[in-house]
Each structure stands twice: as C-alpha cells, then as structure tokens.
Protein backbone atom coordinates (compact mmCIF):
# COMPACT_ATOMS: atom_id res chain seq x y z
CA MET A 1 -0.12 0.18 0.01
CA SER A 2 1.58 3.27 -0.51
CA HIS A 3 1.81 5.92 1.63
CA ASN A 4 -0.28 8.82 0.38
CA SER A 5 1.51 11.88 2.55
CA LYS A 6 -2.24 13.80 3.01
CA LYS A 7 -4.37 11.45 4.24
CA ASN A 8 -2.38 9.13 5.52
CA ILE A 9 0.00 8.57 8.71
CA LEU A 10 3.02 5.38 8.57
CA THR A 11 2.63 3.86 11.79
CA TYR A 12 5.89 2.53 13.90
CA THR A 13 5.10 -1.58 11.99
CA GLY A 14 5.47 0.47 8.48
CA ILE A 15 1.22 0.51 7.70
CA SER A 16 0.23 3.45 6.02
CA MET A 17 -2.93 4.10 7.49
CA ASN A 18 -5.90 7.01 7.03
CA PRO A 19 -6.33 7.85 10.67
CA LEU A 20 -9.86 9.78 9.95
CA ASP A 21 -10.63 6.81 8.02
CA PRO A 22 -9.43 3.58 9.97
CA LYS A 23 -9.85 -0.20 9.18
CA PRO A 24 -10.01 -2.54 12.14
CA GLU A 25 -7.23 -5.00 10.48
CA GLU A 26 -4.80 -1.86 10.57
CA LEU A 27 -4.99 -1.13 14.59
CA LEU A 28 -2.47 -3.31 15.85
CA ILE A 29 -1.27 -4.18 19.19
CA GLU A 30 2.53 -3.35 18.76
CA ASP A 31 1.69 0.25 17.03
CA ILE A 32 -0.59 0.70 20.08
CA ALA A 33 1.99 0.03 22.75
CA HIS A 34 5.12 1.99 20.98
CA ALA A 35 2.86 5.26 20.27
CA LEU A 36 1.75 5.50 23.63
CA ALA A 37 5.31 4.18 25.16
CA MET A 38 5.98 7.42 22.91
CA ILE A 39 3.70 10.07 24.44
CA CYS A 40 3.76 12.04 27.63
CA ARG A 41 1.34 12.88 29.62
CA ALA A 42 -0.02 16.12 30.23
CA ASN A 43 1.16 17.12 27.20
CA GLY A 44 4.61 16.78 28.64
CA HIS A 45 4.11 19.11 31.86
CA PHE A 46 5.01 16.68 33.86
CA HIS A 47 7.89 17.14 36.03
CA SER A 48 9.23 13.93 35.17
CA MET A 49 8.34 11.82 31.85
CA HIS A 50 5.07 9.65 32.47
CA TYR A 51 4.18 8.13 29.84
CA VAL A 52 0.15 7.35 28.42
CA ALA A 53 1.41 3.92 27.87
CA GLN A 54 2.56 3.88 31.65
CA HIS A 55 -0.91 5.23 32.41
CA CYS A 56 -3.04 2.45 30.42
CA ILE A 57 -1.36 0.00 32.20
CA GLU A 58 -1.90 1.84 35.91
CA CYS A 59 -5.80 2.26 35.39
CA LYS A 60 -5.98 -1.40 33.93
CA GLU A 61 -4.35 -2.30 37.40
CA GLU A 62 -6.55 -0.10 39.28
CA ALA A 63 -9.11 -1.94 37.92
CA GLU A 64 -8.08 -5.57 39.17
CA ALA A 65 -7.28 -4.18 42.56
CA ARG A 66 -10.97 -3.01 42.63
CA GLY A 67 -11.50 -6.35 41.29
CA LEU A 68 -13.16 -6.01 37.90
CA SER A 69 -13.75 -8.31 35.69
CA PRO A 70 -11.06 -9.31 33.19
CA ARG A 71 -13.34 -7.44 30.26
CA LEU A 72 -13.64 -4.36 32.54
CA GLN A 73 -9.49 -4.39 32.61
CA MET A 74 -9.23 -4.71 29.54
CA PHE A 75 -11.73 -1.61 28.50
CA CYS A 76 -9.62 0.34 31.08
CA PHE A 77 -6.44 -0.75 29.17
CA LEU A 78 -7.17 0.39 26.20
CA HIS A 79 -9.15 3.49 26.74
CA ASP A 80 -6.11 5.86 25.16
CA ALA A 81 -5.56 3.70 22.14
CA ALA A 82 -7.45 6.15 20.16
CA GLU A 83 -4.45 8.68 21.11
CA ALA A 84 -1.96 5.96 18.92
CA TYR A 85 -2.99 7.20 15.92
CA LEU A 86 -5.03 10.90 16.64
CA GLY A 87 -2.03 11.98 19.07
CA ASP A 88 -3.26 13.31 22.63
CA PHE A 89 -5.02 17.31 23.67
CA VAL A 90 -5.48 18.10 26.87
CA SER A 91 -8.65 17.81 28.01
CA PRO A 92 -9.95 21.65 28.16
CA VAL A 93 -9.06 21.05 24.55
CA LYS A 94 -10.45 18.20 23.92
CA HIS A 95 -13.62 19.30 25.18
CA GLN A 96 -13.93 22.28 22.71
CA ILE A 97 -13.42 20.07 19.68
CA PRO A 98 -16.77 17.90 19.25
CA GLU A 99 -14.95 16.26 15.47
CA TYR A 100 -11.93 14.85 17.18
CA ASN A 101 -13.84 13.19 19.89
CA GLU A 102 -16.45 12.12 17.66
CA LEU A 103 -13.15 10.42 15.84
CA GLU A 104 -11.49 9.25 18.70
CA ASP A 105 -14.82 7.45 19.88
CA ARG A 106 -15.26 5.69 16.26
CA LEU A 107 -11.62 4.70 16.54
CA LEU A 108 -11.42 3.65 20.23
CA SER A 109 -14.87 1.57 19.69
CA MET A 110 -12.78 0.07 16.44
CA VAL A 111 -10.23 -0.94 19.08
CA TYR A 112 -12.33 -2.51 21.96
CA GLN A 113 -14.22 -4.16 19.12
CA LYS A 114 -10.82 -5.85 17.89
CA TYR A 115 -9.14 -6.51 21.17
CA ALA A 116 -11.85 -7.44 24.07
CA GLY A 117 -14.67 -8.44 21.89
CA SER A 118 -16.92 -5.34 22.16
CA CYS A 119 -17.54 -1.73 22.94
CA PRO A 120 -18.39 -1.09 27.10
CA ASP A 121 -21.84 -0.35 27.68
CA GLU A 122 -22.78 2.89 29.11
CA GLU A 123 -22.18 1.47 32.97
CA GLU A 124 -18.82 -0.14 32.04
CA GLN A 125 -17.95 3.24 30.20
CA ALA A 126 -18.64 5.34 33.50
CA VAL A 127 -16.75 3.03 35.44
CA VAL A 128 -13.56 3.46 33.52
CA LYS A 129 -13.84 7.41 32.97
CA GLU A 130 -13.92 6.98 36.81
CA ILE A 131 -10.85 4.98 36.89
CA ASP A 132 -9.25 7.55 34.51
CA HIS A 133 -9.91 10.81 35.94
CA THR A 134 -8.73 8.85 39.27
CA LEU A 135 -5.90 7.90 37.97
CA LEU A 136 -5.14 11.71 36.62
CA TYR A 137 -5.59 13.50 40.62
CA TYR A 138 -2.95 10.86 41.99
CA GLU A 139 -0.47 11.61 39.04
CA PHE A 140 -0.79 15.18 39.29
CA LEU A 141 -0.52 14.74 42.80
CA ALA A 142 2.43 12.33 42.88
CA LEU A 143 3.97 14.32 39.53
CA MET A 144 3.09 17.93 39.92
CA GLY A 145 3.18 17.99 43.86
CA GLN A 146 -0.21 19.00 43.55
CA PRO A 147 -3.84 17.87 42.19
CA VAL A 148 -5.56 18.98 39.30
CA GLY A 149 -9.09 19.52 40.07
CA PRO A 150 -11.16 18.28 43.22
CA HIS A 151 -10.63 14.85 45.10
CA PRO A 152 -12.25 12.35 42.91
CA GLY A 153 -14.09 10.99 46.00
CA ILE A 154 -12.61 7.98 46.22
CA ASP A 155 -8.93 6.49 46.83
CA LEU A 156 -6.79 3.95 44.82
CA ALA A 157 -7.46 0.68 45.64
CA SER A 158 -4.00 -0.04 43.51
CA SER A 159 -0.29 1.35 44.56
CA PRO A 160 1.04 2.64 41.69
CA VAL A 161 4.20 3.86 41.18
CA PHE A 162 4.73 7.07 39.43
CA GLU A 163 8.18 6.60 38.54
CA GLU A 164 9.95 7.86 35.26
CA LYS A 165 11.05 4.71 33.05
CA ASP A 166 12.90 4.34 29.48
CA TRP A 167 9.80 4.12 27.03
CA ARG A 168 11.37 0.55 25.72
CA THR A 169 10.14 -0.45 28.79
CA VAL A 170 7.23 0.68 29.17
CA GLU A 171 6.81 -0.57 25.61
CA LYS A 172 7.28 -3.97 26.39
CA GLU A 173 5.35 -3.81 29.70
CA TYR A 174 2.41 -2.80 28.13
CA LEU A 175 2.51 -5.94 25.32
CA GLU A 176 2.84 -8.15 27.77
CA VAL A 177 -0.10 -6.67 30.45
CA PHE A 178 -1.79 -7.05 26.75
CA ARG A 179 -1.14 -10.72 26.13
CA ASN A 180 -1.97 -11.90 29.72
CA LEU A 181 -5.07 -10.09 29.79
CA GLN A 182 -5.89 -11.38 26.48
CA LYS A 183 -5.65 -15.02 27.64
CA LYS A 184 -7.92 -14.12 30.66
CA LEU A 185 -10.95 -12.80 28.34
C-alpha cells in the first residue's frame, strides 16, 4: 500500500493508514504500544516523563485491584488507544473539539471491538472514566505536587509507582500486560 502523505500516517510497524478512516485490520497492538510509550501525559508538563502507556497500565491495575472483571480491565487498559493514531490533546482543549471526540470514539470503538470483543456499555464506560479521572488526580499529585481538580471522591485500591521509566521498558510492559489480559478474556 502506498503512503499518501496528505491523508495517511505511517505507523511504527509500517502500515500506511488514514486515521480519519481507519480499518480494523490496520489497528495493531504493537503500534498502539509503541506510540503510547512515546507520548508523555499532561502534554509534557509533568516534572518527569510519564507515558500514556504507563497510565493505561495503571488504570488496568486499578481495575484489577478493585476486583473488576478482565473485560473491564481490558477496557481500562485500552481507553487511550486512539491517541496512538490521533495524538493527544489536553482535556480542556479536547472538550472544545467535537469532531476530534467523534473521531476518537469511532477509532476507540474499533479497538475495543478488535481486542476486547465488544464496546463497553454505558455503565462500564462510566467505570472506565471514573478510574481514568482518579488516576489523573493522583498522577498530578505525585508528579506535580498538586492535584488537578477536586478529589475524585475515591481513594486508589492499587499502589501505582509514578516513576520515570525508559520508553522501551514501558512498551514491553504494555505488550506483556495486553497478552496476559487477552488470556483471561
């Protein structure tokens, strides 16, 4: 497949794809792991490097510590996968761009279908969002010395270690967590 630079991106594994019109077969966990292990949370404003892939692993671990099903753990783990193809925007900006949100939801639905077998229902989506926001609060507290927003109303059940890691280590860990989770579905 030729690479059309006006519409397509070239992924880590060499797939030329249009992120605005993705095909499920183009969405590879290896590309997701690599890209998310290269993207810094908080748009790079943390005092140390903390990758989106680390955050996804932490969300999965929080879901597991709460005794949630492997299916919900997978949803928590994959919730930022669309960022591997669309990039990331800080929340205040993201909420002002409805077209981006639609593209992200569409792409994420494909990822969920492909790797979790279905999309989360409304109740499951609320759990994923709550875990995501809880981790965000504690990430800022640990990495910036102050929280972002009010306390989420719930303490962490897991014990994340918000430390800087090499992106290669994070990428490898992301793939290992994915493979182990897949065995449980």
